[in-house]
Amino acid sequence: MSAATLVRARTDAINSSAVTLGCISGSVVPPELDRRILDLGERKEMLNPAERDEPLAWMNFTHERSIDRFEAQLALRRLTTVFPEIADQT
């Protein structure tokens, strides 16, 4: 691999990583899911057996997504500190 090809490959890898991190760090819970979580919470005393495990599963899912978002924001901040020219792509 030539030096120019290697530089281009590294640039492409950094740029695509920045775009992906930007997407993850800006993600939000879809409105339909948010409504479902609220509905389950409001009806918690009347949930059928199939619905009883759902609130905990959604809570775990949203917790994990929050961690993913935070880690993506941190990684993107580190990446743009080292490569400020990619800040416009995120």
Protein backbone atom coordinates (compact mmCIF):
# COMPACT_ATOMS: atom_id res chain seq x y z
CA MET A 1 0.00 0.00 0.00
CA SER A 2 1.43 3.37 -0.97
CA ALA A 3 1.81 6.19 1.54
CA ALA A 4 -0.89 8.23 -0.21
CA THR A 5 -3.29 5.28 -0.17
CA LEU A 6 -2.59 4.70 3.52
CA VAL A 7 -3.20 8.37 4.36
CA ARG A 8 -6.49 8.30 2.41
CA ALA A 9 -7.58 5.07 4.12
CA ARG A 10 -6.84 6.53 7.55
CA THR A 11 -8.69 9.73 6.69
CA ASP A 12 -11.71 7.75 5.49
CA ALA A 13 -11.65 5.62 8.66
CA ILE A 14 -11.52 8.70 10.90
CA ASN A 15 -14.27 10.48 8.97
CA SER A 16 -16.62 7.49 8.97
CA SER A 17 -15.96 6.94 12.68
CA ALA A 18 -16.80 10.57 13.40
CA VAL A 19 -20.06 10.35 11.46
CA THR A 20 -21.06 7.14 13.23
CA LEU A 21 -20.20 8.54 16.66
CA GLY A 22 -22.21 11.66 15.83
CA CYS A 23 -25.24 9.55 14.96
CA ILE A 24 -25.00 7.51 18.15
CA SER A 25 -24.37 10.52 20.39
CA GLY A 26 -27.41 12.30 19.01
CA SER A 27 -29.80 9.36 19.18
CA VAL A 28 -33.01 9.65 21.17
CA VAL A 29 -35.75 7.27 22.20
CA PRO A 30 -38.33 7.11 19.40
CA PRO A 31 -41.63 8.79 20.35
CA GLU A 32 -43.54 5.50 19.96
CA LEU A 33 -41.27 3.80 22.48
CA ASP A 34 -41.49 6.75 24.84
CA ARG A 35 -45.29 6.59 24.69
CA ARG A 36 -45.21 2.83 25.31
CA ILE A 37 -43.00 3.24 28.38
CA LEU A 38 -45.31 5.93 29.76
CA ASP A 39 -48.37 3.78 29.06
CA LEU A 40 -46.89 0.79 30.87
CA GLY A 41 -45.92 2.99 33.81
CA GLU A 42 -49.40 4.45 34.11
CA ARG A 43 -51.00 1.01 33.99
CA LYS A 44 -48.42 -0.79 36.14
CA GLU A 45 -51.06 -2.11 38.55
CA MET A 46 -53.14 -3.58 35.70
CA LEU A 47 -50.51 -5.13 33.44
CA ASN A 48 -51.16 -8.59 32.08
CA PRO A 49 -48.48 -11.27 32.58
CA ALA A 50 -46.94 -10.65 29.15
CA GLU A 51 -46.56 -6.94 29.92
CA ARG A 52 -45.11 -7.24 33.44
CA ASP A 53 -41.51 -7.80 32.32
CA GLU A 54 -41.68 -5.16 29.61
CA PRO A 55 -41.08 -2.03 31.77
CA LEU A 56 -37.89 -3.47 33.25
CA ALA A 57 -36.68 -4.54 29.80
CA TRP A 58 -37.34 -1.05 28.40
CA MET A 59 -35.63 0.53 31.39
CA ASN A 60 -32.55 -1.65 30.85
CA PHE A 61 -32.58 -0.89 27.14
CA THR A 62 -32.81 2.88 27.61
CA HIS A 63 -30.13 2.74 30.32
CA GLU A 64 -27.74 0.94 27.96
CA ARG A 65 -28.53 3.40 25.16
CA SER A 66 -27.76 6.29 27.51
CA ILE A 67 -24.38 4.78 28.28
CA ASP A 68 -23.73 4.25 24.55
CA ARG A 69 -24.64 7.89 23.85
CA PHE A 70 -22.35 9.17 26.60
CA GLU A 71 -19.43 7.02 25.43
CA ALA A 72 -19.98 8.11 21.81
CA GLN A 73 -20.05 11.77 22.87
CA LEU A 74 -16.81 11.31 24.78
CA ALA A 75 -15.11 9.45 21.92
CA LEU A 76 -16.27 12.07 19.42
CA ARG A 77 -14.97 14.88 21.62
CA ARG A 78 -11.59 13.14 21.85
CA LEU A 79 -11.51 12.53 18.11
CA THR A 80 -12.37 16.13 17.21
CA THR A 81 -9.76 17.40 19.67
CA VAL A 82 -7.06 15.48 17.82
CA PHE A 83 -8.57 16.01 14.36
CA PRO A 84 -10.43 19.36 14.49
CA GLU A 85 -11.02 19.29 10.75
CA ILE A 86 -13.65 16.55 11.15
CA ALA A 87 -15.82 18.61 13.51
CA ASP A 88 -17.93 19.88 10.60
CA GLN A 89 -18.83 16.32 9.54
CA THR A 90 -20.51 15.32 12.80
